[in-house]
Amino acid sequence: MKFITFGEIMMRLQPEGYKRISQAERFDLCFGGSEANVAVSLANYGQEAVFLTKIPDNAIGDRCIRDLKANGVDTSAIVLGGPRMGIYFTEKGASQRASTCLYDRAGSSITTLKKKEINVKKLFAGATWFHTSGITPALGKDVADVTVALMKAAKEKGLTTSCDLNYRKKLWSKEEANKVMTACMPYTDVLIANEEDVSDVFGLHADGTNIVGGKLSEQGYIDLGKKVLDRFPSLKYVAFTLRESFSASRNGWSGLLVSRNGATKSKRYELDVIDRVGGGDSFSAGLIYALASGMDDGAAINFGIAASALKHSIEGDYNRVSVAEVTKLAEGDGSGRIQR
């Protein structure tokens, strides 16, 4: 299968271990971004994963492309040009101190991307699935226009499409997000979100849920999924991640897949969090792979949540796990016993 993902990739800089930026004397470097993370996961699952973005034609862009290629991603669709690579700094949280991200991405190369720079016919040739997120159109009007156009083109060419709602209040307003994401919904088959994003973007709420207090209502999420499906008739699925944040270090983690035929809840995992950045992207990739592979709803939501549970144990944005490892956990082996 051939999967296309579209979005921004950034250079991630992080102090060693659990140090704060104010303590840092050096930073570890890696790359990441929502759709790039999905592409890497799909490549790790043995699939053809094509990542579309725009990055600067310089040594940093070259380093980024080498990193993607090393993780099995097809970089042939990447557009070179523009002024700079976006950067973000991460402090890993622990105990009651939350993880934080500080972005330096204004004016990055992808904000200069135009539709005419993309060979749409070549991009979608032989493709199965197209995926993007709400982060991408939030980067600027030109990128928003490209996002909607690509979603529409993907549907017209018969691809399955998915979108992770991923609302980022630092990038755009709720009103802007509502306008653009509503325009994307007629071309979206699978919407991936959490309650907070759906509330911020579409003004719909899950009853009985308190995210800050770590209280989740399964029925509230089921009802919320039905509300989203009722509002957007073209959607086939709404998938939710259910995070119970007891602290930065300990989370409850499960998922819910809502279709027009009903709702399916995943197993629940208690996570000792090593790195939560990219956790939602690893869920998206796992769910996309599972649905594209023909798994039923129960198997698909359990595969996606198991993949993401494993990601929380891995440093960096990318989920470096195989289908076999995810399947083993999804089928019940979460002992963590050493493999010899």
Protein backbone atom coordinates (compact mmCIF):
# COMPACT_ATOMS: atom_id res chain seq x y z
CA MET A 1 0.00 0.00 0.00
CA LYS A 2 1.09 3.55 -0.68
CA PHE A 3 0.40 6.25 1.89
CA ILE A 4 0.83 10.02 1.41
CA THR A 5 1.24 12.40 4.34
CA PHE A 6 1.46 16.19 4.10
CA GLY A 7 2.68 18.70 6.67
CA GLU A 8 5.60 20.51 8.24
CA ILE A 9 8.69 18.81 9.63
CA MET A 10 10.81 20.69 12.15
CA MET A 11 14.14 20.36 13.85
CA ARG A 12 13.63 19.41 17.51
CA LEU A 13 16.15 20.57 20.12
CA GLN A 14 15.95 19.17 23.64
CA PRO A 15 18.09 19.50 26.78
CA GLU A 16 19.72 16.31 27.98
CA GLY A 17 17.51 14.06 30.08
CA TYR A 18 14.95 15.97 32.10
CA LYS A 19 16.85 19.28 32.32
CA ARG A 20 15.07 22.56 31.75
CA ILE A 21 16.13 24.95 28.99
CA SER A 22 17.50 27.28 31.69
CA GLN A 23 19.92 24.49 32.73
CA ALA A 24 20.95 23.37 29.25
CA GLU A 25 24.54 23.58 28.05
CA ARG A 26 23.86 21.43 24.99
CA PHE A 27 20.82 20.15 23.09
CA ASP A 28 20.03 16.81 21.49
CA LEU A 29 18.81 17.11 17.89
CA CYS A 30 16.19 15.14 16.05
CA PHE A 31 13.43 15.88 13.54
CA GLY A 32 9.69 15.59 13.87
CA GLY A 33 6.27 16.87 12.95
CA SER A 34 2.81 15.34 13.03
CA GLU A 35 2.57 14.05 9.45
CA ALA A 36 6.26 13.15 9.22
CA ASN A 37 5.85 11.06 12.37
CA VAL A 38 2.94 9.23 10.74
CA ALA A 39 5.02 8.56 7.62
CA VAL A 40 7.89 7.09 9.65
CA SER A 41 5.53 4.78 11.52
CA LEU A 42 3.96 3.54 8.30
CA ALA A 43 7.41 2.94 6.80
CA ASN A 44 8.34 0.94 9.90
CA TYR A 45 5.23 -1.17 9.23
CA GLY A 46 6.70 -2.08 5.85
CA GLN A 47 4.52 0.26 3.80
CA GLU A 48 5.37 2.75 1.06
CA ALA A 49 5.18 6.08 2.87
CA VAL A 50 5.58 9.31 0.89
CA PHE A 51 6.02 12.56 2.82
CA LEU A 52 5.16 15.88 1.19
CA THR A 53 6.52 19.12 2.63
CA LYS A 54 8.72 22.08 1.74
CA ILE A 55 12.10 22.56 3.41
CA PRO A 56 15.08 24.83 2.73
CA ASP A 57 17.62 23.83 0.10
CA ASN A 58 20.59 23.91 2.46
CA ALA A 59 22.61 21.71 4.80
CA ILE A 60 19.82 21.52 7.38
CA GLY A 61 17.32 20.47 4.73
CA ASP A 62 19.78 17.84 3.51
CA ARG A 63 20.21 16.52 7.05
CA CYS A 64 16.44 16.27 7.43
CA ILE A 65 16.04 14.35 4.16
CA ARG A 66 18.80 11.91 5.17
CA ASP A 67 17.00 11.33 8.46
CA LEU A 68 13.69 10.58 6.73
CA LYS A 69 15.35 8.26 4.22
CA ALA A 70 17.14 6.43 7.02
CA ASN A 71 13.70 5.71 8.48
CA GLY A 72 12.36 4.33 5.20
CA VAL A 73 10.31 7.35 4.08
CA ASP A 74 10.03 8.25 0.39
CA THR A 75 11.23 11.87 0.12
CA SER A 76 10.79 12.28 -3.64
CA ALA A 77 7.78 14.60 -3.25
CA ILE A 78 9.57 17.07 -0.96
CA VAL A 79 9.79 20.58 -2.42
CA LEU A 80 13.07 22.41 -1.81
CA GLY A 81 13.16 26.15 -1.23
CA GLY A 82 12.03 28.84 1.12
CA PRO A 83 13.93 30.63 3.87
CA ARG A 84 14.27 28.27 6.83
CA MET A 85 13.52 25.09 8.74
CA GLY A 86 11.09 25.44 11.61
CA ILE A 87 12.53 24.66 15.05
CA TYR A 88 11.00 23.66 18.33
CA PHE A 89 12.50 23.23 21.78
CA THR A 90 11.15 20.58 24.15
CA GLU A 91 11.44 20.22 27.89
CA LYS A 92 10.46 16.73 29.03
CA GLY A 93 8.17 16.87 32.03
CA ALA A 94 8.29 14.61 35.06
CA SER A 95 5.99 14.02 38.01
CA GLN A 96 3.81 17.12 38.43
CA ARG A 97 5.92 19.28 36.06
CA ALA A 98 4.41 19.23 32.59
CA SER A 99 6.32 18.79 29.35
CA THR A 100 6.56 22.02 27.35
CA CYS A 101 7.24 22.95 23.73
CA LEU A 102 8.62 26.32 22.58
CA TYR A 103 8.20 26.96 18.84
CA ASP A 104 10.38 28.98 16.50
CA ARG A 105 8.66 28.28 13.19
CA ALA A 106 7.39 31.64 11.90
CA GLY A 107 8.19 32.11 8.22
CA SER A 108 9.38 28.53 7.71
CA SER A 109 9.69 27.16 4.19
CA ILE A 110 6.33 25.38 4.13
CA THR A 111 4.52 28.71 4.55
CA THR A 112 5.73 29.60 1.04
CA LEU A 113 4.41 26.40 -0.57
CA LYS A 114 2.13 26.87 -3.58
CA LYS A 115 -0.06 24.23 -5.23
CA LYS A 116 1.76 24.72 -8.55
CA GLU A 117 4.94 23.36 -6.92
CA ILE A 118 3.27 19.95 -6.37
CA ASN A 119 2.89 17.33 -9.08
CA VAL A 120 -0.50 16.11 -7.87
CA LYS A 121 -0.88 13.47 -10.59
CA LYS A 122 2.48 11.89 -9.75
CA LEU A 123 1.92 12.25 -6.01
CA PHE A 124 -1.35 10.31 -5.96
CA ALA A 125 -0.45 7.71 -8.61
CA GLY A 126 -1.06 4.27 -7.11
CA ALA A 127 -1.75 5.74 -3.68
CA THR A 128 -4.11 4.19 -1.12
CA TRP A 129 -4.42 6.83 1.58
CA PHE A 130 -3.84 10.57 2.17
CA HIS A 131 -3.28 12.00 5.66
CA THR A 132 -2.77 15.47 7.07
CA SER A 133 -3.58 17.38 10.26
CA GLY A 134 -5.05 20.65 11.48
CA ILE A 135 -1.57 21.93 12.25
CA THR A 136 -0.71 22.26 8.57
CA PRO A 137 -3.42 24.72 7.41
CA ALA A 138 -2.84 26.73 10.59
CA LEU A 139 0.58 27.75 9.27
CA GLY A 140 -0.80 30.30 6.81
CA LYS A 141 -3.44 31.03 4.19
CA ASP A 142 -1.41 29.59 1.29
CA VAL A 143 -0.82 26.34 3.16
CA ALA A 144 -4.49 26.19 4.15
CA ASP A 145 -5.49 26.54 0.50
CA VAL A 146 -3.07 23.77 -0.49
CA THR A 147 -4.38 21.51 2.28
CA VAL A 148 -8.02 21.82 1.21
CA ALA A 149 -7.06 21.37 -2.45
CA LEU A 150 -5.07 18.20 -1.72
CA MET A 151 -7.86 16.73 0.41
CA LYS A 152 -10.31 17.36 -2.42
CA ALA A 153 -7.96 15.94 -5.07
CA ALA A 154 -7.31 12.84 -2.97
CA LYS A 155 -11.03 12.11 -2.67
CA GLU A 156 -11.58 12.71 -6.37
CA LYS A 157 -8.85 10.16 -7.14
CA GLY A 158 -10.47 7.57 -4.87
CA LEU A 159 -8.05 7.63 -1.95
CA THR A 160 -9.15 7.14 1.64
CA THR A 161 -8.42 10.31 3.59
CA SER A 162 -7.76 11.07 7.24
CA CYS A 163 -7.18 14.20 9.28
CA ASP A 164 -5.92 14.62 12.84
CA LEU A 165 -7.73 17.70 14.11
CA ASN A 166 -4.72 18.81 16.21
CA TYR A 167 -5.85 22.33 17.18
CA ARG A 168 -2.95 24.64 18.10
CA LYS A 169 -4.12 27.88 19.69
CA LYS A 170 -0.69 29.48 19.24
CA LEU A 171 -1.06 29.20 15.46
CA TRP A 172 -4.63 30.37 14.77
CA SER A 173 -7.93 31.28 16.34
CA LYS A 174 -10.87 28.97 16.95
CA GLU A 175 -12.84 30.87 14.32
CA GLU A 176 -10.11 30.43 11.68
CA ALA A 177 -9.76 26.75 12.55
CA ASN A 178 -13.51 26.19 12.32
CA LYS A 179 -13.70 27.76 8.86
CA VAL A 180 -10.83 25.81 7.31
CA MET A 181 -11.40 22.46 9.02
CA THR A 182 -15.10 22.59 8.17
CA ALA A 183 -14.04 23.06 4.53
CA CYS A 184 -11.88 19.90 4.81
CA MET A 185 -14.57 17.68 6.29
CA PRO A 186 -16.47 16.87 3.03
CA TYR A 187 -13.25 15.27 1.79
CA THR A 188 -12.38 13.42 5.02
CA ASP A 189 -13.18 9.76 5.74
CA VAL A 190 -11.49 9.39 9.16
CA LEU A 191 -11.29 12.20 11.70
CA ILE A 192 -8.85 11.72 14.58
CA ALA A 193 -9.18 13.97 17.62
CA ASN A 194 -9.58 14.41 21.34
CA GLU A 195 -12.44 16.12 23.17
CA GLU A 196 -10.55 19.39 23.63
CA ASP A 197 -9.82 19.74 19.89
CA VAL A 198 -13.43 19.00 18.91
CA SER A 199 -14.64 21.53 21.45
CA ASP A 200 -12.23 24.25 20.30
CA VAL A 201 -12.72 23.74 16.55
CA PHE A 202 -16.34 22.63 16.17
CA GLY A 203 -17.90 23.79 19.45
CA LEU A 204 -19.04 20.27 20.37
CA HIS A 205 -18.48 18.85 23.86
CA ALA A 206 -18.23 15.51 25.67
CA ASP A 207 -20.47 15.44 28.73
CA GLY A 208 -18.99 14.18 31.99
CA THR A 209 -15.37 14.77 31.02
CA ASN A 210 -12.78 16.87 32.86
CA ILE A 211 -9.42 16.73 31.07
CA VAL A 212 -7.46 18.64 33.73
CA GLY A 213 -8.91 16.49 36.50
CA GLY A 214 -8.22 13.27 34.60
CA LYS A 215 -11.91 12.32 34.47
CA LEU A 216 -13.18 10.75 31.26
CA SER A 217 -16.68 9.61 30.37
CA GLU A 218 -16.81 6.84 27.78
CA GLN A 219 -20.47 7.49 27.04
CA GLY A 220 -19.72 11.20 26.73
CA TYR A 221 -17.16 10.46 24.04
CA ILE A 222 -19.52 8.09 22.22
CA ASP A 223 -22.17 10.79 22.19
CA LEU A 224 -19.58 13.33 20.99
CA GLY A 225 -18.57 11.04 18.13
CA LYS A 226 -22.19 10.74 17.07
CA LYS A 227 -22.54 14.54 17.12
CA VAL A 228 -19.51 14.90 14.84
CA LEU A 229 -20.80 12.22 12.45
CA ASP A 230 -24.20 13.92 12.35
CA ARG A 231 -22.65 17.28 11.53
CA PHE A 232 -20.40 15.91 8.77
CA PRO A 233 -22.23 13.23 6.74
CA SER A 234 -19.17 12.33 4.62
CA LEU A 235 -17.22 11.03 7.63
CA LYS A 236 -17.00 7.27 8.11
CA TYR A 237 -15.15 7.24 11.44
CA VAL A 238 -14.30 9.50 14.34
CA ALA A 239 -11.41 8.22 16.46
CA PHE A 240 -10.62 9.57 19.92
CA THR A 241 -7.58 9.17 22.10
CA LEU A 242 -8.54 9.07 25.79
CA ARG A 243 -5.70 10.32 27.97
CA GLU A 244 -5.99 10.31 31.75
CA SER A 245 -3.20 12.62 32.90
CA PHE A 246 -2.45 11.72 36.49
CA SER A 247 0.95 13.40 36.13
CA ALA A 248 3.52 14.04 33.41
CA SER A 249 5.04 10.65 34.22
CA ARG A 250 1.92 8.51 34.55
CA ASN A 251 -1.01 8.43 32.15
CA GLY A 252 -3.97 6.21 31.50
CA TRP A 253 -4.27 5.60 27.77
CA SER A 254 -7.06 4.17 25.65
CA GLY A 255 -9.04 4.93 22.51
CA LEU A 256 -12.50 4.92 21.04
CA LEU A 257 -13.57 4.39 17.44
CA VAL A 258 -17.04 5.67 16.55
CA SER A 259 -18.71 4.75 13.26
CA ARG A 260 -22.25 4.96 11.96
CA ASN A 261 -22.71 1.36 13.14
CA GLY A 262 -21.67 1.96 16.74
CA ALA A 263 -18.63 2.51 18.95
CA THR A 264 -15.67 0.32 19.93
CA LYS A 265 -13.45 0.94 22.97
CA SER A 266 -9.83 -0.22 23.10
CA LYS A 267 -7.93 -1.83 25.93
CA ARG A 268 -6.63 0.59 28.53
CA TYR A 269 -2.94 0.92 29.35
CA GLU A 270 -1.23 2.57 32.30
CA LEU A 271 1.85 4.31 30.94
CA ASP A 272 5.10 5.31 32.58
CA VAL A 273 5.87 8.12 30.15
CA ILE A 274 9.37 8.50 28.73
CA ASP A 275 8.44 10.91 25.92
CA ARG A 276 4.83 11.77 25.06
CA VAL A 277 5.59 14.00 22.04
CA GLY A 278 4.39 12.13 18.96
CA GLY A 279 2.06 9.91 20.97
CA GLY A 280 -1.02 11.03 19.08
CA ASP A 281 0.75 10.70 15.73
CA SER A 282 1.72 7.11 16.52
CA PHE A 283 -1.95 6.40 17.25
CA SER A 284 -2.97 7.94 13.92
CA ALA A 285 -0.44 5.83 12.04
CA GLY A 286 -1.45 2.64 13.81
CA LEU A 287 -5.13 3.24 13.15
CA ILE A 288 -4.50 4.16 9.50
CA TYR A 289 -2.43 1.02 8.95
CA ALA A 290 -5.02 -1.17 10.67
CA LEU A 291 -8.01 0.18 8.76
CA ALA A 292 -6.15 0.11 5.43
CA SER A 293 -5.16 -3.50 6.14
CA GLY A 294 -8.81 -4.51 6.54
CA MET A 295 -8.88 -5.02 10.31
CA ASP A 296 -12.31 -4.78 11.91
CA ASP A 297 -13.10 -1.84 14.18
CA GLY A 298 -12.07 -3.63 17.39
CA ALA A 299 -8.74 -4.81 16.03
CA ALA A 300 -8.05 -1.43 14.44
CA ILE A 301 -8.58 0.67 17.57
CA ASN A 302 -6.58 -1.79 19.67
CA PHE A 303 -3.70 -1.76 17.17
CA GLY A 304 -3.63 2.04 17.14
CA ILE A 305 -3.67 2.37 20.92
CA ALA A 306 -1.05 -0.37 21.39
CA ALA A 307 1.24 1.35 18.87
CA SER A 308 0.89 4.61 20.75
CA ALA A 309 1.42 2.99 24.14
CA LEU A 310 4.78 1.75 22.87
CA LYS A 311 5.69 5.19 21.51
CA HIS A 312 5.43 6.71 24.98
CA SER A 313 8.47 4.60 25.91
CA ILE A 314 10.63 5.90 23.02
CA GLU A 315 12.70 9.10 22.91
CA GLY A 316 12.09 11.49 20.04
CA ASP A 317 9.10 12.15 17.80
CA TYR A 318 9.23 8.90 15.82
CA ASN A 319 7.63 5.61 16.84
CA ARG A 320 10.33 3.04 16.09
CA VAL A 321 8.33 -0.17 16.38
CA SER A 322 7.29 -2.98 14.05
CA VAL A 323 3.92 -4.54 13.28
CA ALA A 324 4.98 -7.63 15.23
CA GLU A 325 5.78 -5.60 18.35
CA VAL A 326 2.47 -3.74 18.20
CA THR A 327 0.51 -6.93 17.55
CA LYS A 328 2.16 -8.65 20.50
CA LEU A 329 1.08 -5.88 22.87
CA ALA A 330 -2.41 -5.59 21.34
CA GLU A 331 -2.88 -9.32 21.89
CA GLY A 332 -2.10 -9.01 25.57
CA ASP A 333 1.65 -9.33 26.15
CA GLY A 334 2.57 -6.12 27.95
CA SER A 335 4.89 -7.71 30.48
CA GLY A 336 8.01 -5.97 29.22
CA ARG A 337 10.02 -9.13 29.78
CA ILE A 338 13.40 -9.16 28.07
CA GLN A 339 13.44 -10.72 24.60
CA ARG A 340 16.36 -13.11 23.98
